[in-house]
C-alpha atoms as a PDB file:
ATOM      1  CA  MET A   1     -26.168 -38.777 -37.480  1.00  0.00           C
ATOM      2  CA  ALA A   2     -25.333 -35.496 -35.781  1.00  0.00           C
ATOM      3  CA  LYS A   3     -25.437 -32.136 -37.554  1.00  0.00           C
ATOM      4  CA  LEU A   4     -22.213 -30.133 -37.436  1.00  0.00           C
ATOM      5  CA  HIS A   5     -21.631 -26.375 -37.713  1.00  0.00           C
ATOM      6  CA  ILE A   6     -19.012 -26.935 -40.426  1.00  0.00           C
ATOM      7  CA  LYS A   7     -19.250 -28.469 -43.883  1.00  0.00           C
ATOM      8  CA  GLN A   8     -16.843 -30.115 -46.271  1.00  0.00           C
ATOM      9  CA  ASN A   9     -14.525 -27.638 -48.091  1.00  0.00           C
ATOM     10  CA  ASP A  10     -15.038 -24.926 -45.416  1.00  0.00           C
ATOM     11  CA  GLU A  11     -11.946 -23.095 -44.192  1.00  0.00           C
ATOM     12  CA  VAL A  12     -11.630 -23.518 -40.424  1.00  0.00           C
ATOM     13  CA  VAL A  13      -9.378 -22.367 -37.558  1.00  0.00           C
ATOM     14  CA  VAL A  14      -8.348 -24.702 -34.720  1.00  0.00           C
ATOM     15  CA  LEU A  15      -9.301 -23.227 -31.325  1.00  0.00           C
ATOM     16  CA  SER A  16      -7.453 -25.584 -28.968  1.00  0.00           C
ATOM     17  CA  GLY A  17      -4.922 -28.391 -28.877  1.00  0.00           C
ATOM     18  CA  LYS A  18      -1.449 -28.722 -30.338  1.00  0.00           C
ATOM     19  CA  GLU A  19      -2.565 -27.222 -33.676  1.00  0.00           C
ATOM     20  CA  LYS A  20      -4.154 -24.127 -32.049  1.00  0.00           C
ATOM     21  CA  GLY A  21      -4.402 -21.105 -34.348  1.00  0.00           C
ATOM     22  CA  LYS A  22      -3.736 -23.021 -37.567  1.00  0.00           C
ATOM     23  CA  ARG A  23      -6.073 -22.907 -40.564  1.00  0.00           C
ATOM     24  CA  GLY A  24      -7.048 -25.506 -43.092  1.00  0.00           C
ATOM     25  CA  LYS A  25      -9.749 -26.803 -45.403  1.00  0.00           C
ATOM     26  CA  VAL A  26     -12.148 -29.522 -44.193  1.00  0.00           C
ATOM     27  CA  LEU A  27     -11.533 -32.637 -46.296  1.00  0.00           C
ATOM     28  CA  GLU A  28     -13.936 -35.033 -44.607  1.00  0.00           C
ATOM     29  CA  LEU A  29     -16.551 -35.077 -41.848  1.00  0.00           C
ATOM     30  CA  ARG A  30     -17.143 -38.016 -39.537  1.00  0.00           C
ATOM     31  CA  THR A  31     -20.496 -37.121 -38.031  1.00  0.00           C
ATOM     32  CA  ALA A  32     -20.869 -40.323 -35.993  1.00  0.00           C
ATOM     33  CA  LYS A  33     -17.983 -39.182 -33.780  1.00  0.00           C
ATOM     34  CA  ASN A  34     -18.329 -35.382 -34.306  1.00  0.00           C
ATOM     35  CA  ARG A  35     -14.867 -35.189 -35.866  1.00  0.00           C
ATOM     36  CA  ALA A  36     -13.371 -33.659 -39.006  1.00  0.00           C
ATOM     37  CA  VAL A  37     -10.267 -34.240 -41.124  1.00  0.00           C
ATOM     38  CA  VAL A  38      -8.553 -30.922 -41.883  1.00  0.00           C
ATOM     39  CA  GLU A  39      -5.985 -30.557 -44.652  1.00  0.00           C
ATOM     40  CA  GLY A  40      -2.409 -30.513 -43.327  1.00  0.00           C
ATOM     41  CA  LEU A  41      -3.320 -30.687 -39.604  1.00  0.00           C
ATOM     42  CA  MET A  42      -2.964 -33.410 -36.947  1.00  0.00           C
ATOM     43  CA  MET A  43      -0.602 -35.461 -39.092  1.00  0.00           C
ATOM     44  CA  VAL A  44      -0.249 -39.101 -37.991  1.00  0.00           C
ATOM     45  CA  LYS A  45       2.016 -41.875 -39.224  1.00  0.00           C
ATOM     46  CA  ARG A  46       0.545 -45.164 -40.441  1.00  0.00           C
ATOM     47  CA  HIS A  47       2.557 -48.274 -41.215  1.00  0.00           C
ATOM     48  CA  LEU A  48       1.553 -49.983 -44.447  1.00  0.00           C
ATOM     49  CA  LYS A  49       2.029 -53.683 -45.173  1.00  0.00           C
ATOM     50  CA  LYS A  50       4.350 -54.956 -47.860  1.00  0.00           C
ATOM     51  CA  SER A  51       2.812 -54.909 -51.334  1.00  0.00           C
ATOM     52  CA  GLU A  52       3.851 -54.977 -54.972  1.00  0.00           C
ATOM     53  CA  GLU A  53       4.054 -51.181 -54.999  1.00  0.00           C
ATOM     54  CA  HIS A  54       6.044 -51.041 -51.735  1.00  0.00           C
ATOM     55  CA  PRO A  55       8.039 -54.281 -51.376  1.00  0.00           C
ATOM     56  CA  ASP A  56       9.580 -53.172 -48.057  1.00  0.00           C
ATOM     57  CA  GLY A  57       6.399 -51.674 -46.660  1.00  0.00           C
ATOM     58  CA  GLN A  58       6.056 -47.975 -45.974  1.00  0.00           C
ATOM     59  CA  ILE A  59       5.413 -45.422 -43.261  1.00  0.00           C
ATOM     60  CA  ALA A  60       2.788 -43.042 -44.621  1.00  0.00           C
ATOM     61  CA  GLU A  61       1.883 -39.701 -43.083  1.00  0.00           C
ATOM     62  CA  ARG A  62      -1.720 -38.511 -43.346  1.00  0.00           C
ATOM     63  CA  GLU A  63      -4.216 -36.245 -41.628  1.00  0.00           C
ATOM     64  CA  GLY A  64      -5.829 -37.341 -38.378  1.00  0.00           C
ATOM     65  CA  THR A  65      -9.166 -36.131 -37.024  1.00  0.00           C
ATOM     66  CA  ILE A  66      -9.986 -33.108 -34.865  1.00  0.00           C
ATOM     67  CA  HIS A  67     -13.113 -32.845 -32.737  1.00  0.00           C
ATOM     68  CA  ALA A  68     -15.639 -30.442 -34.239  1.00  0.00           C
ATOM     69  CA  SER A  69     -15.908 -28.453 -30.979  1.00  0.00           C
ATOM     70  CA  ASN A  70     -12.277 -27.392 -31.443  1.00  0.00           C
ATOM     71  CA  LEU A  71     -12.966 -25.892 -34.888  1.00  0.00           C
ATOM     72  CA  MET A  72     -14.491 -22.575 -35.944  1.00  0.00           C
ATOM     73  CA  LEU A  73     -15.255 -21.215 -39.386  1.00  0.00           C
ATOM     74  CA  ALA A  74     -12.436 -18.895 -40.454  1.00  0.00           C
ATOM     75  CA  THR A  75     -14.862 -16.109 -41.390  1.00  0.00           C
ATOM     76  CA  LYS A  76     -16.424 -16.105 -37.898  1.00  0.00           C
ATOM     77  CA  TYR A  77     -12.973 -16.274 -36.301  1.00  0.00           C
ATOM     78  CA  ASP A  78     -11.735 -13.258 -38.307  1.00  0.00           C
ATOM     79  CA  GLU A  79     -14.915 -11.345 -37.516  1.00  0.00           C
ATOM     80  CA  ARG A  80     -14.565 -12.113 -33.790  1.00  0.00           C
ATOM     81  CA  SER A  81     -10.923 -10.991 -33.665  1.00  0.00           C
ATOM     82  CA  ALA A  82     -11.749  -7.799 -35.612  1.00  0.00           C
ATOM     83  CA  ASN A  83     -14.452  -6.887 -33.070  1.00  0.00           C
ATOM     84  CA  LYS A  84     -12.068  -7.279 -30.107  1.00  0.00           C
ATOM     85  CA  ASN A  85      -9.863  -4.412 -31.302  1.00  0.00           C
END
């Protein structure tokens, strides 16, 4: 298992990709693949089978994963941008 520079419940900023510049809270870490699930970012759609709760099935939207190298702690990001000016 790899060690990551972020932990669960940390606030992070996305450094690259389609969600660049957005912030969110880390919900889950997947250390085997060096990825994290961030609240409200990288939303993906998943089709769910028919069940008693959803007799016609359902298309659910949930968070996807972001590679840990594309994330930075929000405190470090704010500190870095403050030092540039």
